[in-house]
Amino acid sequence: MGDATRDETIQRLRVLGHWRAFGRHVPSNELIQAGLDALLAGVDSPSLLLLAGLGRREEHEAQDLFDRALEELDFTFEVPADPTAAKLAMAYWLAEQIASGTMDPAKGADLIWREVAWDLGYPDELQPIVQCAILIDDWDEHWGVPLEELRSKALNAARQLATRNGRAT
C-alpha cells in the first residue's frame, strides 16, 4: 500500500471487515499487510500489532486477529441475520463504495448484479444498477456509446441506491 494516509488505511480495514462480514474470503497475507499498513499510518490496537507481526508460519492466526483488531478499533459491521436483508445490505454497501469513489462503478455494479440481484430474483430497486452492469458487460466499441458513459450511468445508479437506503454520499 505504500505511503497511505491514516484515513485510507482505516477505510481499507473497514472494507476488508465488510467483505469478511459478508462471507467473502480475504487471504491472510492481505489482512496482515493491511494491519502493517495501519500501524505504519498510526492506527493502533493490541491485536493489530500482533496481526502485523505474523510470519508465514503464523498466517493461520490472521483471520481471528483481524476480527479482534476490528472489535478493538470499533470497526465491526453486523450483517442482518435474514438472508434477504443481508444480501440487500451488501448491495447498499457496494453502492456506497461506488458512490464514494472507493470502488470502480463497473466492478461494483457487476458485483451487485451477480452476487445480490441474481440471488434475490432481481428486485425492482436493483434494476437500474443491474441494467448498467449488463450493458457494461456486453459493451462493444461499435455501439456508438462510450464505455465511460455507461460507467457514469452505473455511478449515478449507485448514488441513487445509496440515497434510497438513507446513506447519501
N, C-alpha and C. Protein backbone atom coordinates (compact mmCIF):
# COMPACT_ATOMS: atom_id res chain seq x y z
N MET A 1 0.82 -1.18 0.00
CA MET A 1 0.00 0.00 0.00
C MET A 1 0.87 1.25 0.00
N GLY A 2 2.08 1.17 0.50
CA GLY A 2 3.00 2.31 0.42
C GLY A 2 2.72 3.37 1.45
N ASP A 3 2.67 4.64 1.03
CA ASP A 3 2.51 5.77 1.93
C ASP A 3 1.05 6.17 2.10
N ALA A 4 0.22 5.23 2.49
CA ALA A 4 -1.20 5.52 2.67
C ALA A 4 -1.42 6.38 3.90
N THR A 5 -2.41 7.21 3.82
CA THR A 5 -2.75 8.05 4.96
C THR A 5 -3.50 7.23 6.00
N ARG A 6 -3.64 7.80 7.17
CA ARG A 6 -4.39 7.15 8.25
C ARG A 6 -5.83 6.88 7.80
N ASP A 7 -6.47 7.87 7.18
CA ASP A 7 -7.85 7.70 6.73
C ASP A 7 -7.97 6.59 5.69
N GLU A 8 -7.01 6.51 4.78
CA GLU A 8 -7.03 5.46 3.75
C GLU A 8 -6.87 4.08 4.37
N THR A 9 -6.00 3.97 5.35
CA THR A 9 -5.81 2.64 5.97
C THR A 9 -7.02 2.26 6.81
N ILE A 10 -7.64 3.23 7.47
CA ILE A 10 -8.87 2.94 8.21
C ILE A 10 -9.95 2.48 7.24
N GLN A 11 -10.07 3.16 6.12
CA GLN A 11 -11.05 2.77 5.10
C GLN A 11 -10.76 1.35 4.62
N ARG A 12 -9.51 1.03 4.40
CA ARG A 12 -9.13 -0.32 3.94
C ARG A 12 -9.51 -1.37 4.98
N LEU A 13 -9.25 -1.10 6.26
CA LEU A 13 -9.63 -2.04 7.32
C LEU A 13 -11.14 -2.25 7.33
N ARG A 14 -11.89 -1.17 7.19
CA ARG A 14 -13.36 -1.27 7.19
C ARG A 14 -13.86 -2.07 5.97
N VAL A 15 -13.27 -1.83 4.81
CA VAL A 15 -13.67 -2.56 3.60
C VAL A 15 -13.39 -4.05 3.77
N LEU A 16 -12.21 -4.38 4.24
CA LEU A 16 -11.88 -5.79 4.46
C LEU A 16 -12.81 -6.41 5.50
N GLY A 17 -13.14 -5.64 6.53
CA GLY A 17 -14.06 -6.12 7.56
C GLY A 17 -15.45 -6.39 6.98
N HIS A 18 -15.91 -5.50 6.11
CA HIS A 18 -17.21 -5.71 5.46
C HIS A 18 -17.18 -6.96 4.59
N TRP A 19 -16.12 -7.10 3.79
CA TRP A 19 -16.04 -8.28 2.93
C TRP A 19 -16.11 -9.55 3.77
N ARG A 20 -15.38 -9.56 4.88
CA ARG A 20 -15.40 -10.74 5.75
C ARG A 20 -16.78 -10.94 6.37
N ALA A 21 -17.43 -9.86 6.79
CA ALA A 21 -18.76 -9.96 7.39
C ALA A 21 -19.77 -10.53 6.38
N PHE A 22 -19.60 -10.17 5.10
CA PHE A 22 -20.49 -10.68 4.06
C PHE A 22 -20.10 -12.08 3.60
N GLY A 23 -19.11 -12.69 4.25
CA GLY A 23 -18.75 -14.07 3.97
C GLY A 23 -17.73 -14.28 2.87
N ARG A 24 -17.12 -13.20 2.41
CA ARG A 24 -16.10 -13.34 1.37
C ARG A 24 -14.76 -13.69 2.03
N HIS A 25 -14.01 -14.55 1.38
CA HIS A 25 -12.68 -14.90 1.89
C HIS A 25 -11.70 -13.79 1.54
N VAL A 26 -10.96 -13.36 2.55
CA VAL A 26 -9.88 -12.41 2.34
C VAL A 26 -8.60 -13.14 2.75
N PRO A 27 -7.63 -13.26 1.85
CA PRO A 27 -6.41 -14.01 2.16
C PRO A 27 -5.68 -13.44 3.38
N SER A 28 -5.11 -14.34 4.15
CA SER A 28 -4.41 -13.94 5.37
C SER A 28 -3.30 -12.94 5.10
N ASN A 29 -2.55 -13.13 4.00
CA ASN A 29 -1.45 -12.20 3.73
C ASN A 29 -1.98 -10.79 3.48
N GLU A 30 -3.19 -10.66 2.92
CA GLU A 30 -3.78 -9.35 2.69
C GLU A 30 -4.18 -8.70 4.02
N LEU A 31 -4.69 -9.51 4.95
CA LEU A 31 -5.06 -8.99 6.27
C LEU A 31 -3.81 -8.55 7.04
N ILE A 32 -2.77 -9.34 6.95
CA ILE A 32 -1.51 -9.00 7.62
C ILE A 32 -0.95 -7.70 7.06
N GLN A 33 -0.95 -7.56 5.74
CA GLN A 33 -0.45 -6.33 5.11
C GLN A 33 -1.29 -5.13 5.52
N ALA A 34 -2.61 -5.31 5.57
CA ALA A 34 -3.49 -4.22 6.00
C ALA A 34 -3.18 -3.81 7.44
N GLY A 35 -2.90 -4.79 8.28
CA GLY A 35 -2.52 -4.50 9.66
C GLY A 35 -1.22 -3.74 9.74
N LEU A 36 -0.24 -4.15 8.96
CA LEU A 36 1.06 -3.47 8.94
C LEU A 36 0.90 -2.04 8.42
N ASP A 37 0.16 -1.88 7.34
CA ASP A 37 -0.07 -0.55 6.77
C ASP A 37 -0.76 0.36 7.78
N ALA A 38 -1.73 -0.21 8.51
CA ALA A 38 -2.46 0.58 9.50
C ALA A 38 -1.52 1.04 10.62
N LEU A 39 -0.67 0.14 11.10
CA LEU A 39 0.28 0.53 12.14
C LEU A 39 1.21 1.62 11.65
N LEU A 40 1.70 1.47 10.43
CA LEU A 40 2.61 2.48 9.87
C LEU A 40 1.93 3.83 9.68
N ALA A 41 0.59 3.81 9.54
CA ALA A 41 -0.17 5.05 9.36
C ALA A 41 -0.65 5.63 10.70
N GLY A 42 -0.30 4.95 11.80
CA GLY A 42 -0.66 5.49 13.11
C GLY A 42 -1.93 4.93 13.73
N VAL A 43 -2.49 3.89 13.13
CA VAL A 43 -3.66 3.22 13.71
C VAL A 43 -3.10 2.13 14.62
N ASP A 44 -3.66 2.02 15.82
CA ASP A 44 -3.05 1.10 16.78
C ASP A 44 -4.10 0.37 17.61
N SER A 45 -3.86 -0.90 17.83
CA SER A 45 -4.62 -1.72 18.76
C SER A 45 -3.75 -2.93 19.09
N PRO A 46 -3.97 -3.56 20.25
CA PRO A 46 -3.13 -4.71 20.61
C PRO A 46 -3.15 -5.83 19.56
N SER A 47 -4.33 -6.18 19.07
CA SER A 47 -4.43 -7.27 18.08
C SER A 47 -3.87 -6.86 16.73
N LEU A 48 -3.98 -5.58 16.40
CA LEU A 48 -3.41 -5.09 15.15
C LEU A 48 -1.89 -5.24 15.16
N LEU A 49 -1.29 -4.97 16.30
CA LEU A 49 0.15 -5.13 16.47
C LEU A 49 0.55 -6.60 16.28
N LEU A 50 -0.22 -7.50 16.87
CA LEU A 50 0.06 -8.93 16.72
C LEU A 50 -0.15 -9.38 15.27
N LEU A 51 -1.22 -8.89 14.65
CA LEU A 51 -1.52 -9.23 13.26
C LEU A 51 -0.38 -8.80 12.34
N ALA A 52 0.07 -7.59 12.50
CA ALA A 52 1.12 -7.05 11.63
C ALA A 52 2.44 -7.81 11.78
N GLY A 53 2.64 -8.43 12.93
CA GLY A 53 3.89 -9.15 13.18
C GLY A 53 3.88 -10.62 12.82
N LEU A 54 2.77 -11.10 12.26
CA LEU A 54 2.69 -12.52 11.93
C LEU A 54 3.65 -12.89 10.81
N GLY A 55 4.28 -14.03 10.96
CA GLY A 55 5.13 -14.59 9.91
C GLY A 55 4.36 -15.62 9.10
N ARG A 56 4.99 -16.14 8.08
CA ARG A 56 4.35 -17.12 7.20
C ARG A 56 3.76 -18.31 7.95
N ARG A 57 4.48 -18.81 8.93
CA ARG A 57 4.01 -19.98 9.67
C ARG A 57 2.85 -19.66 10.61
N GLU A 58 2.58 -18.39 10.81
CA GLU A 58 1.52 -17.98 11.73
C GLU A 58 0.30 -17.41 10.99
N GLU A 59 0.31 -17.48 9.67
CA GLU A 59 -0.77 -16.89 8.88
C GLU A 59 -2.15 -17.42 9.27
N HIS A 60 -2.20 -18.63 9.79
CA HIS A 60 -3.49 -19.21 10.19
C HIS A 60 -4.16 -18.40 11.31
N GLU A 61 -3.40 -17.58 12.01
CA GLU A 61 -3.94 -16.75 13.10
C GLU A 61 -4.49 -15.41 12.59
N ALA A 62 -4.23 -15.07 11.34
CA ALA A 62 -4.56 -13.74 10.82
C ALA A 62 -6.05 -13.42 10.86
N GLN A 63 -6.89 -14.37 10.46
CA GLN A 63 -8.33 -14.11 10.40
C GLN A 63 -8.87 -13.70 11.77
N ASP A 64 -8.53 -14.48 12.79
CA ASP A 64 -9.01 -14.19 14.15
C ASP A 64 -8.43 -12.88 14.68
N LEU A 65 -7.15 -12.66 14.46
CA LEU A 65 -6.53 -11.41 14.93
C LEU A 65 -7.11 -10.20 14.22
N PHE A 66 -7.40 -10.33 12.94
CA PHE A 66 -8.00 -9.23 12.21
C PHE A 66 -9.37 -8.88 12.80
N ASP A 67 -10.18 -9.91 13.05
CA ASP A 67 -11.51 -9.68 13.62
C ASP A 67 -11.40 -9.03 15.00
N ARG A 68 -10.46 -9.49 15.80
CA ARG A 68 -10.27 -8.89 17.14
C ARG A 68 -9.81 -7.44 17.02
N ALA A 69 -8.93 -7.16 16.06
CA ALA A 69 -8.46 -5.79 15.86
C ALA A 69 -9.63 -4.88 15.48
N LEU A 70 -10.52 -5.36 14.62
CA LEU A 70 -11.69 -4.56 14.24
C LEU A 70 -12.56 -4.26 15.46
N GLU A 71 -12.73 -5.26 16.32
CA GLU A 71 -13.50 -5.04 17.55
C GLU A 71 -12.83 -4.00 18.43
N GLU A 72 -11.52 -4.11 18.61
CA GLU A 72 -10.79 -3.15 19.45
C GLU A 72 -10.88 -1.74 18.90
N LEU A 73 -10.91 -1.61 17.58
CA LEU A 73 -10.98 -0.30 16.94
C LEU A 73 -12.43 0.17 16.75
N ASP A 74 -13.39 -0.66 17.14
CA ASP A 74 -14.82 -0.38 16.98
C ASP A 74 -15.18 -0.19 15.50
N PHE A 75 -14.64 -1.07 14.64
CA PHE A 75 -14.89 -1.04 13.21
C PHE A 75 -15.75 -2.22 12.75
N THR A 76 -16.37 -2.92 13.68
CA THR A 76 -17.14 -4.10 13.30
C THR A 76 -18.41 -3.71 12.57
N PHE A 77 -18.90 -4.63 11.78
CA PHE A 77 -20.11 -4.43 11.00
C PHE A 77 -20.97 -5.68 11.18
N GLU A 78 -22.21 -5.49 11.56
CA GLU A 78 -23.12 -6.60 11.80
C GLU A 78 -24.00 -6.80 10.57
N VAL A 79 -23.92 -7.95 9.97
CA VAL A 79 -24.75 -8.30 8.82
C VAL A 79 -26.10 -8.78 9.34
N PRO A 80 -27.21 -8.32 8.75
CA PRO A 80 -28.52 -8.80 9.19
C PRO A 80 -28.61 -10.32 9.12
N ALA A 81 -29.33 -10.91 10.08
CA ALA A 81 -29.46 -12.37 10.14
C ALA A 81 -30.32 -12.91 9.00
N ASP A 82 -31.33 -12.14 8.58
CA ASP A 82 -32.19 -12.57 7.49
C ASP A 82 -31.39 -12.57 6.19
N PRO A 83 -31.37 -13.68 5.44
CA PRO A 83 -30.56 -13.77 4.22
C PRO A 83 -30.90 -12.70 3.17
N THR A 84 -32.18 -12.39 3.00
CA THR A 84 -32.56 -11.37 2.02
C THR A 84 -32.06 -10.00 2.48
N ALA A 85 -32.26 -9.69 3.74
CA ALA A 85 -31.79 -8.41 4.28
C ALA A 85 -30.27 -8.32 4.20
N ALA A 86 -29.59 -9.44 4.42
CA ALA A 86 -28.12 -9.45 4.34
C ALA A 86 -27.66 -9.16 2.91
N LYS A 87 -28.32 -9.76 1.93
CA LYS A 87 -27.97 -9.51 0.52
C LYS A 87 -28.23 -8.05 0.16
N LEU A 88 -29.37 -7.52 0.59
CA LEU A 88 -29.66 -6.11 0.31
C LEU A 88 -28.66 -5.20 1.00
N ALA A 89 -28.26 -5.55 2.21
CA ALA A 89 -27.24 -4.76 2.92
C ALA A 89 -25.95 -4.73 2.12
N MET A 90 -25.61 -5.87 1.51
CA MET A 90 -24.42 -5.92 0.68
C MET A 90 -24.56 -5.00 -0.53
N ALA A 91 -25.74 -5.01 -1.17
CA ALA A 91 -25.98 -4.15 -2.33
C ALA A 91 -25.86 -2.68 -1.94
N TYR A 92 -26.45 -2.31 -0.81
CA TYR A 92 -26.37 -0.91 -0.36
C TYR A 92 -24.93 -0.52 -0.05
N TRP A 93 -24.21 -1.42 0.60
CA TRP A 93 -22.82 -1.13 0.94
C TRP A 93 -21.98 -0.98 -0.33
N LEU A 94 -22.18 -1.88 -1.29
CA LEU A 94 -21.45 -1.76 -2.55
C LEU A 94 -21.80 -0.45 -3.26
N ALA A 95 -23.07 -0.07 -3.24
CA ALA A 95 -23.49 1.19 -3.85
C ALA A 95 -22.79 2.37 -3.17
N GLU A 96 -22.67 2.30 -1.85
CA GLU A 96 -21.96 3.37 -1.12
C GLU A 96 -20.49 3.42 -1.51
N GLN A 97 -19.89 2.25 -1.70
CA GLN A 97 -18.48 2.20 -2.10
C GLN A 97 -18.29 2.82 -3.48
N ILE A 98 -19.22 2.55 -4.38
CA ILE A 98 -19.16 3.12 -5.73
C ILE A 98 -19.36 4.63 -5.65
N ALA A 99 -20.41 5.04 -4.93
CA ALA A 99 -20.76 6.46 -4.84
C ALA A 99 -19.65 7.29 -4.21
N SER A 100 -18.92 6.71 -3.27
CA SER A 100 -17.85 7.44 -2.59
C SER A 100 -16.54 7.43 -3.37
N GLY A 101 -16.49 6.65 -4.46
CA GLY A 101 -15.27 6.58 -5.25
C GLY A 101 -14.30 5.52 -4.77
N THR A 102 -14.70 4.74 -3.78
CA THR A 102 -13.84 3.69 -3.24
C THR A 102 -13.79 2.47 -4.16
N MET A 103 -14.88 2.26 -4.91
CA MET A 103 -14.94 1.10 -5.81
C MET A 103 -15.27 1.57 -7.23
N ASP A 104 -14.65 0.93 -8.18
CA ASP A 104 -14.91 1.19 -9.58
C ASP A 104 -16.39 0.92 -9.89
N PRO A 105 -17.09 1.84 -10.57
CA PRO A 105 -18.52 1.65 -10.85
C PRO A 105 -18.83 0.37 -11.62
N ALA A 106 -18.01 0.02 -12.59
CA ALA A 106 -18.27 -1.20 -13.37
C ALA A 106 -18.13 -2.44 -12.49
N LYS A 107 -17.08 -2.48 -11.68
CA LYS A 107 -16.86 -3.63 -10.81
C LYS A 107 -17.97 -3.75 -9.77
N GLY A 108 -18.33 -2.63 -9.14
CA GLY A 108 -19.37 -2.65 -8.12
C GLY A 108 -20.73 -3.02 -8.68
N ALA A 109 -21.07 -2.47 -9.84
CA ALA A 109 -22.35 -2.80 -10.47
C ALA A 109 -22.39 -4.29 -10.81
N ASP A 110 -21.28 -4.82 -11.30
CA ASP A 110 -21.19 -6.24 -11.61
C ASP A 110 -21.39 -7.10 -10.36
N LEU A 111 -20.78 -6.69 -9.25
CA LEU A 111 -20.94 -7.44 -8.00
C LEU A 111 -22.40 -7.40 -7.53
N ILE A 112 -23.03 -6.25 -7.63
CA ILE A 112 -24.44 -6.15 -7.23
C ILE A 112 -25.30 -7.05 -8.12
N TRP A 113 -25.02 -7.05 -9.40
CA TRP A 113 -25.76 -7.89 -10.34
C TRP A 113 -25.58 -9.37 -10.02
N ARG A 114 -24.32 -9.81 -9.96
CA ARG A 114 -24.03 -11.24 -9.88
C ARG A 114 -24.16 -11.83 -8.47
N GLU A 115 -23.88 -11.02 -7.45
CA GLU A 115 -23.86 -11.57 -6.10
C GLU A 115 -25.06 -11.20 -5.25
N VAL A 116 -25.87 -10.26 -5.73
CA VAL A 116 -27.04 -9.87 -4.94
C VAL A 116 -28.31 -10.05 -5.77
N ALA A 117 -28.43 -9.30 -6.84
CA ALA A 117 -29.67 -9.30 -7.63
C ALA A 117 -30.04 -10.71 -8.11
N TRP A 118 -29.06 -11.42 -8.60
CA TRP A 118 -29.29 -12.79 -9.09
C TRP A 118 -29.93 -13.64 -8.00
N ASP A 119 -29.34 -13.60 -6.79
CA ASP A 119 -29.83 -14.42 -5.68
C ASP A 119 -31.21 -13.99 -5.19
N LEU A 120 -31.55 -12.71 -5.37
CA LEU A 120 -32.83 -12.19 -4.87
C LEU A 120 -33.91 -12.12 -5.94
N GLY A 121 -33.63 -12.66 -7.10
CA GLY A 121 -34.64 -12.65 -8.17
C GLY A 121 -34.83 -11.28 -8.80
N TYR A 122 -33.80 -10.50 -8.84
CA TYR A 122 -33.79 -9.18 -9.49
C TYR A 122 -34.86 -8.23 -8.96
N PRO A 123 -34.75 -7.81 -7.70
CA PRO A 123 -35.75 -6.87 -7.16
C PRO A 123 -35.72 -5.54 -7.90
N ASP A 124 -36.88 -4.88 -7.94
CA ASP A 124 -37.04 -3.63 -8.67
C ASP A 124 -36.01 -2.57 -8.28
N GLU A 125 -35.72 -2.45 -6.98
CA GLU A 125 -34.82 -1.40 -6.54
C GLU A 125 -33.39 -1.56 -7.07
N LEU A 126 -33.04 -2.77 -7.49
CA LEU A 126 -31.69 -3.01 -8.03
C LEU A 126 -31.64 -2.96 -9.55
N GLN A 127 -32.80 -2.86 -10.19
CA GLN A 127 -32.85 -2.90 -11.65
C GLN A 127 -31.97 -1.84 -12.34
N PRO A 128 -32.00 -0.57 -11.91
CA PRO A 128 -31.17 0.41 -12.63
C PRO A 128 -29.67 0.06 -12.65
N ILE A 129 -29.16 -0.38 -11.53
CA ILE A 129 -27.72 -0.69 -11.49
C ILE A 129 -27.43 -2.01 -12.19
N VAL A 130 -28.36 -2.95 -12.11
CA VAL A 130 -28.19 -4.23 -12.81
C VAL A 130 -28.18 -3.99 -14.32
N GLN A 131 -29.08 -3.14 -14.81
CA GLN A 131 -29.10 -2.84 -16.24
C GLN A 131 -27.78 -2.21 -16.68
N CYS A 132 -27.21 -1.35 -15.85
CA CYS A 132 -25.90 -0.77 -16.17
C CYS A 132 -24.83 -1.85 -16.22
N ALA A 133 -24.86 -2.75 -15.25
CA ALA A 133 -23.87 -3.84 -15.22
C ALA A 133 -23.95 -4.70 -16.46
N ILE A 134 -25.17 -5.02 -16.88
CA ILE A 134 -25.36 -5.86 -18.07
C ILE A 134 -24.85 -5.14 -19.32
N LEU A 135 -25.18 -3.86 -19.43
CA LEU A 135 -24.71 -3.09 -20.59
C LEU A 135 -23.18 -2.99 -20.61
N ILE A 136 -22.58 -2.77 -19.46
CA ILE A 136 -21.11 -2.69 -19.39
C ILE A 136 -20.50 -4.04 -19.76
N ASP A 137 -21.10 -5.11 -19.25
CA ASP A 137 -20.59 -6.45 -19.53
C ASP A 137 -20.68 -6.80 -21.02
N ASP A 138 -21.75 -6.34 -21.66
CA ASP A 138 -21.97 -6.64 -23.08
C ASP A 138 -21.38 -5.60 -24.02
N TRP A 139 -20.86 -4.53 -23.49
CA TRP A 139 -20.44 -3.38 -24.29
C TRP A 139 -19.50 -3.77 -25.43
N ASP A 140 -19.71 -3.12 -26.54
CA ASP A 140 -18.88 -3.31 -27.72
C ASP A 140 -18.57 -1.92 -28.27
N GLU A 141 -17.35 -1.71 -28.72
CA GLU A 141 -16.93 -0.39 -29.21
C GLU A 141 -17.75 0.09 -30.41
N HIS A 142 -18.46 -0.80 -31.06
CA HIS A 142 -19.26 -0.43 -32.23
C HIS A 142 -20.65 0.09 -31.86
N TRP A 143 -20.97 0.12 -30.57
CA TRP A 143 -22.28 0.55 -30.12
C TRP A 143 -22.55 2.03 -30.37
N GLY A 144 -21.51 2.82 -30.40
CA GLY A 144 -21.69 4.26 -30.54
C GLY A 144 -21.92 4.94 -29.20
N VAL A 145 -21.88 4.19 -28.14
CA VAL A 145 -21.99 4.72 -26.77
C VAL A 145 -20.65 4.46 -26.09
N PRO A 146 -19.99 5.52 -25.64
CA PRO A 146 -18.70 5.31 -24.97
C PRO A 146 -18.86 4.52 -23.67
N LEU A 147 -17.90 3.67 -23.39
CA LEU A 147 -17.91 2.88 -22.17
C LEU A 147 -17.97 3.81 -20.95
N GLU A 148 -17.29 4.94 -21.01
CA GLU A 148 -17.29 5.89 -19.90
C GLU A 148 -18.69 6.38 -19.59
N GLU A 149 -19.53 6.52 -20.61
CA GLU A 149 -20.91 6.95 -20.38
C GLU A 149 -21.68 5.89 -19.59
N LEU A 150 -21.44 4.64 -19.89
CA LEU A 150 -22.10 3.56 -19.16
C LEU A 150 -21.60 3.49 -17.72
N ARG A 151 -20.31 3.72 -17.56
CA ARG A 151 -19.73 3.74 -16.20
C ARG A 151 -20.32 4.90 -15.39
N SER A 152 -20.53 6.02 -16.04
CA SER A 152 -21.14 7.18 -15.39
C SER A 152 -22.58 6.88 -14.98
N LYS A 153 -23.30 6.17 -15.84
CA LYS A 153 -24.67 5.77 -15.51
C LYS A 153 -24.68 4.81 -14.32
N ALA A 154 -23.70 3.92 -14.27
CA ALA A 154 -23.59 3.00 -13.13
C ALA A 154 -23.31 3.78 -11.84
N LEU A 155 -22.46 4.78 -11.93
CA LEU A 155 -22.17 5.62 -10.77
C LEU A 155 -23.45 6.33 -10.30
N ASN A 156 -24.21 6.89 -11.22
CA ASN A 156 -25.46 7.57 -10.86
C ASN A 156 -26.47 6.59 -10.26
N ALA A 157 -26.56 5.39 -10.82
CA ALA A 157 -27.48 4.38 -10.27
C ALA A 157 -27.05 3.99 -8.86
N ALA A 158 -25.74 3.89 -8.63
CA ALA A 158 -25.23 3.56 -7.29
C ALA A 158 -25.55 4.69 -6.31
N ARG A 159 -25.39 5.92 -6.75
CA ARG A 159 -25.72 7.06 -5.87
C ARG A 159 -27.20 7.03 -5.50
N GLN A 160 -28.07 6.73 -6.47
CA GLN A 160 -29.50 6.66 -6.18
C GLN A 160 -29.82 5.53 -5.20
N LEU A 161 -29.17 4.39 -5.38
CA LEU A 161 -29.39 3.26 -4.49
C LEU A 161 -28.92 3.59 -3.07
N ALA A 162 -27.74 4.20 -2.97
CA ALA A 162 -27.21 4.57 -1.65
C ALA A 162 -28.12 5.62 -1.00
N THR A 163 -28.62 6.56 -1.77
CA THR A 163 -29.52 7.59 -1.24
C THR A 163 -30.83 6.97 -0.80
N ARG A 164 -31.34 6.03 -1.59
CA ARG A 164 -32.60 5.34 -1.24
C ARG A 164 -32.45 4.64 0.10
N ASN A 165 -31.27 4.18 0.37
CA ASN A 165 -31.02 3.48 1.63
C ASN A 165 -30.78 4.46 2.78
N GLY A 166 -30.83 5.76 2.48
CA GLY A 166 -30.63 6.75 3.53
C GLY A 166 -29.18 7.07 3.82
N ARG A 167 -28.30 6.70 2.91
CA ARG A 167 -26.87 6.94 3.11
C ARG A 167 -26.31 7.70 1.94
N ALA A 168 -26.84 8.88 1.71
CA ALA A 168 -26.37 9.71 0.59
C ALA A 168 -24.90 9.97 0.73
N THR A 169 -24.20 9.85 -0.39
CA THR A 169 -22.75 10.03 -0.38
C THR A 169 -22.40 11.22 -1.23
